[in-house]
N, C-alpha and C. Protein backbone atom coordinates (compact mmCIF):
# COMPACT_ATOMS: atom_id res chain seq x y z
N MET A 1 16.99 3.34 15.45
CA MET A 1 16.66 3.77 14.11
C MET A 1 17.06 5.23 13.96
N THR A 2 17.78 5.52 12.89
CA THR A 2 18.23 6.89 12.65
C THR A 2 17.13 7.72 12.00
N GLY A 3 17.35 9.02 11.93
CA GLY A 3 16.41 9.91 11.27
C GLY A 3 16.24 9.55 9.80
N ASP A 4 17.33 9.13 9.15
CA ASP A 4 17.25 8.72 7.75
C ASP A 4 16.39 7.47 7.59
N ASP A 5 16.52 6.53 8.54
CA ASP A 5 15.70 5.31 8.51
C ASP A 5 14.22 5.66 8.65
N VAL A 6 13.91 6.58 9.54
CA VAL A 6 12.52 6.99 9.75
C VAL A 6 11.97 7.63 8.48
N CYS A 7 12.76 8.49 7.84
CA CYS A 7 12.33 9.13 6.60
C CYS A 7 12.12 8.10 5.49
N GLU A 8 13.04 7.15 5.37
CA GLU A 8 12.92 6.12 4.33
C GLU A 8 11.69 5.25 4.59
N THR A 9 11.45 4.88 5.83
CA THR A 9 10.28 4.09 6.17
C THR A 9 9.01 4.86 5.82
N GLY A 10 8.95 6.11 6.21
CA GLY A 10 7.78 6.94 5.92
C GLY A 10 7.56 7.11 4.43
N ARG A 11 8.66 7.25 3.68
CA ARG A 11 8.56 7.40 2.23
C ARG A 11 8.01 6.12 1.60
N LEU A 12 8.54 4.96 2.00
CA LEU A 12 8.05 3.70 1.46
C LEU A 12 6.58 3.47 1.79
N LEU A 13 6.22 3.74 3.03
CA LEU A 13 4.82 3.59 3.43
C LEU A 13 3.93 4.54 2.64
N GLY A 14 4.39 5.77 2.45
CA GLY A 14 3.62 6.77 1.72
C GLY A 14 3.43 6.41 0.26
N GLN A 15 4.49 5.93 -0.38
CA GLN A 15 4.38 5.54 -1.78
C GLN A 15 3.46 4.32 -1.95
N ALA A 16 3.58 3.37 -1.05
CA ALA A 16 2.71 2.19 -1.11
C ALA A 16 1.25 2.61 -0.89
N ALA A 17 1.02 3.50 0.06
CA ALA A 17 -0.34 3.98 0.33
C ALA A 17 -0.90 4.70 -0.89
N ALA A 18 -0.09 5.51 -1.56
CA ALA A 18 -0.55 6.24 -2.74
C ALA A 18 -0.92 5.28 -3.87
N LEU A 19 -0.13 4.24 -4.06
CA LEU A 19 -0.45 3.25 -5.09
C LEU A 19 -1.76 2.54 -4.78
N LEU A 20 -1.93 2.17 -3.53
CA LEU A 20 -3.17 1.48 -3.14
C LEU A 20 -4.38 2.40 -3.26
N GLU A 21 -4.20 3.65 -2.93
CA GLU A 21 -5.28 4.62 -3.07
C GLU A 21 -5.66 4.78 -4.54
N ALA A 22 -4.66 4.78 -5.42
CA ALA A 22 -4.94 4.89 -6.85
C ALA A 22 -5.73 3.68 -7.35
N VAL A 23 -5.34 2.49 -6.91
CA VAL A 23 -6.09 1.29 -7.30
C VAL A 23 -7.50 1.36 -6.74
N GLY A 24 -7.63 1.78 -5.50
CA GLY A 24 -8.94 1.88 -4.87
C GLY A 24 -9.85 2.92 -5.51
N SER A 25 -9.27 3.85 -6.22
CA SER A 25 -10.06 4.89 -6.89
C SER A 25 -10.42 4.52 -8.32
N ASP A 26 -9.88 3.43 -8.82
CA ASP A 26 -10.09 3.04 -10.21
C ASP A 26 -11.30 2.11 -10.32
N ARG A 27 -12.47 2.68 -10.32
CA ARG A 27 -13.70 1.89 -10.34
C ARG A 27 -13.96 1.25 -11.70
N ASP A 28 -13.21 1.65 -12.73
CA ASP A 28 -13.36 1.02 -14.04
C ASP A 28 -12.65 -0.32 -14.11
N ARG A 29 -11.64 -0.52 -13.29
CA ARG A 29 -10.83 -1.74 -13.37
C ARG A 29 -10.97 -2.69 -12.19
N VAL A 30 -11.45 -2.19 -11.06
CA VAL A 30 -11.55 -3.07 -9.89
C VAL A 30 -12.96 -3.00 -9.29
N PRO A 31 -13.44 -4.14 -8.77
CA PRO A 31 -14.76 -4.14 -8.14
C PRO A 31 -14.75 -3.38 -6.81
N ALA A 32 -15.92 -3.06 -6.34
CA ALA A 32 -16.07 -2.25 -5.13
C ALA A 32 -15.37 -2.87 -3.93
N SER A 33 -15.45 -4.19 -3.77
CA SER A 33 -14.83 -4.83 -2.60
C SER A 33 -13.31 -4.70 -2.62
N VAL A 34 -12.72 -4.80 -3.80
CA VAL A 34 -11.27 -4.64 -3.92
C VAL A 34 -10.90 -3.19 -3.66
N ALA A 35 -11.67 -2.27 -4.22
CA ALA A 35 -11.41 -0.84 -4.02
C ALA A 35 -11.46 -0.49 -2.54
N GLU A 36 -12.45 -1.02 -1.84
CA GLU A 36 -12.59 -0.76 -0.41
C GLU A 36 -11.40 -1.30 0.38
N ASP A 37 -10.97 -2.50 0.04
CA ASP A 37 -9.80 -3.08 0.73
C ASP A 37 -8.54 -2.27 0.45
N CYS A 38 -8.38 -1.80 -0.77
CA CYS A 38 -7.21 -0.97 -1.11
C CYS A 38 -7.20 0.32 -0.29
N ARG A 39 -8.35 0.96 -0.20
CA ARG A 39 -8.43 2.20 0.58
C ARG A 39 -8.19 1.93 2.07
N ARG A 40 -8.68 0.82 2.57
CA ARG A 40 -8.46 0.45 3.98
C ARG A 40 -6.97 0.21 4.24
N ALA A 41 -6.31 -0.52 3.35
CA ALA A 41 -4.88 -0.77 3.51
C ALA A 41 -4.09 0.54 3.45
N ALA A 42 -4.47 1.43 2.54
CA ALA A 42 -3.79 2.73 2.44
C ALA A 42 -3.96 3.52 3.73
N ASP A 43 -5.15 3.49 4.29
CA ASP A 43 -5.38 4.18 5.57
C ASP A 43 -4.50 3.60 6.68
N LEU A 44 -4.38 2.29 6.72
CA LEU A 44 -3.55 1.64 7.74
C LEU A 44 -2.08 2.03 7.58
N LEU A 45 -1.62 2.10 6.35
CA LEU A 45 -0.22 2.50 6.12
C LEU A 45 0.00 3.95 6.55
N ARG A 46 -0.98 4.79 6.32
CA ARG A 46 -0.85 6.18 6.78
C ARG A 46 -0.79 6.24 8.31
N GLN A 47 -1.56 5.39 8.97
CA GLN A 47 -1.51 5.33 10.43
C GLN A 47 -0.14 4.85 10.92
N ALA A 48 0.54 4.10 10.08
CA ALA A 48 1.85 3.55 10.45
C ALA A 48 2.98 4.53 10.13
N ALA A 49 2.65 5.80 10.01
CA ALA A 49 3.65 6.87 9.83
C ALA A 49 4.09 7.08 8.40
N ALA A 50 3.20 6.83 7.46
CA ALA A 50 3.52 7.10 6.07
C ALA A 50 3.66 8.60 5.86
N LEU A 51 4.66 8.97 5.08
CA LEU A 51 4.82 10.37 4.70
C LEU A 51 3.94 10.64 3.48
N PRO A 52 3.35 11.83 3.40
CA PRO A 52 2.50 12.12 2.24
C PRO A 52 3.31 12.12 0.95
N VAL A 53 2.70 11.66 -0.10
CA VAL A 53 3.32 11.66 -1.42
C VAL A 53 2.85 12.91 -2.14
N ALA A 54 3.79 13.65 -2.72
CA ALA A 54 3.49 14.96 -3.30
C ALA A 54 2.56 14.88 -4.51
N ALA A 55 2.78 13.95 -5.41
CA ALA A 55 2.00 13.90 -6.64
C ALA A 55 1.01 12.74 -6.59
N ALA A 56 -0.09 12.92 -7.29
CA ALA A 56 -1.07 11.85 -7.39
C ALA A 56 -0.46 10.72 -8.23
N VAL A 57 -0.83 9.52 -7.90
CA VAL A 57 -0.33 8.34 -8.59
C VAL A 57 -1.48 7.77 -9.42
N HIS A 58 -1.19 7.38 -10.64
CA HIS A 58 -2.18 6.73 -11.49
C HIS A 58 -1.75 5.29 -11.70
N ALA A 59 -2.63 4.36 -11.42
CA ALA A 59 -2.31 2.95 -11.56
C ALA A 59 -2.94 2.42 -12.85
N ALA A 60 -2.17 2.38 -13.93
CA ALA A 60 -2.68 1.90 -15.21
C ALA A 60 -3.00 0.41 -15.14
N ASN A 61 -2.23 -0.33 -14.38
CA ASN A 61 -2.43 -1.76 -14.20
C ASN A 61 -2.59 -2.02 -12.70
N PRO A 62 -3.82 -2.24 -12.23
CA PRO A 62 -4.03 -2.40 -10.79
C PRO A 62 -3.20 -3.50 -10.14
N ARG A 63 -3.08 -4.64 -10.80
CA ARG A 63 -2.32 -5.74 -10.19
C ARG A 63 -0.84 -5.38 -10.09
N ALA A 64 -0.31 -4.73 -11.11
CA ALA A 64 1.09 -4.31 -11.08
C ALA A 64 1.31 -3.26 -9.99
N ALA A 65 0.34 -2.37 -9.79
CA ALA A 65 0.45 -1.35 -8.75
C ALA A 65 0.45 -1.98 -7.37
N VAL A 66 -0.40 -2.98 -7.16
CA VAL A 66 -0.43 -3.68 -5.87
C VAL A 66 0.87 -4.43 -5.65
N ARG A 67 1.38 -5.06 -6.71
CA ARG A 67 2.66 -5.77 -6.61
C ARG A 67 3.79 -4.80 -6.28
N GLU A 68 3.77 -3.61 -6.87
CA GLU A 68 4.78 -2.60 -6.58
C GLU A 68 4.68 -2.13 -5.13
N ALA A 69 3.45 -1.96 -4.63
CA ALA A 69 3.27 -1.59 -3.23
C ALA A 69 3.84 -2.66 -2.31
N MET A 70 3.60 -3.94 -2.65
CA MET A 70 4.15 -5.03 -1.84
C MET A 70 5.68 -5.01 -1.88
N ALA A 71 6.24 -4.72 -3.04
CA ALA A 71 7.71 -4.66 -3.16
C ALA A 71 8.28 -3.55 -2.28
N MET A 72 7.61 -2.42 -2.23
CA MET A 72 8.06 -1.32 -1.37
C MET A 72 8.04 -1.74 0.09
N LEU A 73 6.96 -2.39 0.49
CA LEU A 73 6.85 -2.81 1.89
C LEU A 73 7.86 -3.90 2.24
N SER A 74 8.28 -4.68 1.24
CA SER A 74 9.27 -5.73 1.52
C SER A 74 10.63 -5.15 1.88
N ARG A 75 10.83 -3.87 1.61
CA ARG A 75 12.10 -3.21 1.95
C ARG A 75 12.13 -2.73 3.41
N LEU A 76 11.02 -2.86 4.12
CA LEU A 76 10.99 -2.48 5.53
C LEU A 76 11.71 -3.52 6.37
N SER A 77 12.18 -3.10 7.53
CA SER A 77 12.80 -4.07 8.45
C SER A 77 11.72 -5.00 9.00
N ASP A 78 12.15 -6.12 9.56
CA ASP A 78 11.19 -7.06 10.15
C ASP A 78 10.36 -6.39 11.23
N ALA A 79 10.99 -5.57 12.04
CA ALA A 79 10.27 -4.89 13.13
C ALA A 79 9.23 -3.92 12.57
N GLN A 80 9.60 -3.19 11.53
CA GLN A 80 8.67 -2.23 10.93
C GLN A 80 7.52 -2.96 10.24
N LEU A 81 7.83 -4.03 9.55
CA LEU A 81 6.83 -4.77 8.80
C LEU A 81 5.85 -5.51 9.72
N SER A 82 6.34 -5.97 10.85
CA SER A 82 5.48 -6.77 11.73
C SER A 82 4.71 -5.95 12.74
N SER A 83 4.90 -4.65 12.74
CA SER A 83 4.16 -3.83 13.70
C SER A 83 2.77 -3.52 13.17
N GLU A 84 1.85 -3.33 14.10
CA GLU A 84 0.50 -2.90 13.71
C GLU A 84 0.55 -1.42 13.49
N PRO A 85 -0.13 -0.84 12.54
CA PRO A 85 -1.09 -1.44 11.62
C PRO A 85 -0.50 -1.94 10.31
N THR A 86 0.83 -1.91 10.17
CA THR A 86 1.45 -2.33 8.91
C THR A 86 1.15 -3.79 8.60
N LEU A 87 1.22 -4.64 9.59
CA LEU A 87 0.98 -6.07 9.37
C LEU A 87 -0.45 -6.31 8.87
N THR A 88 -1.40 -5.64 9.44
CA THR A 88 -2.79 -5.77 8.98
C THR A 88 -2.91 -5.30 7.53
N ALA A 89 -2.26 -4.20 7.20
CA ALA A 89 -2.29 -3.69 5.83
C ALA A 89 -1.68 -4.71 4.86
N VAL A 90 -0.56 -5.32 5.25
CA VAL A 90 0.09 -6.32 4.39
C VAL A 90 -0.84 -7.49 4.13
N ARG A 91 -1.54 -7.94 5.14
CA ARG A 91 -2.49 -9.06 4.96
C ARG A 91 -3.59 -8.68 3.98
N ILE A 92 -4.12 -7.47 4.11
CA ILE A 92 -5.16 -6.99 3.20
C ILE A 92 -4.61 -6.89 1.78
N ILE A 93 -3.42 -6.35 1.65
CA ILE A 93 -2.80 -6.17 0.33
C ILE A 93 -2.61 -7.51 -0.36
N TRP A 94 -2.18 -8.52 0.38
CA TRP A 94 -1.99 -9.84 -0.21
C TRP A 94 -3.32 -10.40 -0.72
N ARG A 95 -4.38 -10.26 0.06
CA ARG A 95 -5.70 -10.72 -0.38
C ARG A 95 -6.15 -9.99 -1.64
N VAL A 96 -5.90 -8.67 -1.67
CA VAL A 96 -6.25 -7.87 -2.86
C VAL A 96 -5.48 -8.38 -4.07
N TYR A 97 -4.21 -8.63 -3.91
CA TYR A 97 -3.37 -9.11 -5.01
C TYR A 97 -3.92 -10.42 -5.59
N VAL A 98 -4.28 -11.32 -4.73
CA VAL A 98 -4.83 -12.61 -5.17
C VAL A 98 -6.17 -12.39 -5.88
N ARG A 99 -7.04 -11.58 -5.29
CA ARG A 99 -8.36 -11.34 -5.89
C ARG A 99 -8.26 -10.63 -7.24
N ILE A 100 -7.35 -9.67 -7.38
CA ILE A 100 -7.20 -8.98 -8.66
C ILE A 100 -6.72 -9.98 -9.72
N GLY A 101 -5.89 -10.92 -9.34
CA GLY A 101 -5.41 -11.93 -10.28
C GLY A 101 -6.51 -12.85 -10.78
N GLN A 102 -7.61 -12.91 -10.05
CA GLN A 102 -8.72 -13.78 -10.44
C GLN A 102 -9.77 -13.05 -11.29
N LEU A 103 -9.58 -11.75 -11.51
CA LEU A 103 -10.56 -10.98 -12.29
C LEU A 103 -10.42 -11.26 -13.78
């Protein structure tokens, strides 16, 4: 993996984490259990070498923000996506996406 690949991976992880953190902070639109799962997934992505995102992210539509985070993670290589803690975060994110769709 080149230095550019590492930077791109960190950027994708960081942006996905920021989106999830924004959803997890939106107590007007998501229940506490969803918010907690979003924050947990964001923490896991940060552990997986996410680069910090400079600006705060606002998620006007929580489900769309979670879908966007999943799209970012889908751009990772198989090795990056299947490594821990990224894989655990992906599982949590999928559950969140399904639960938000049922609200």
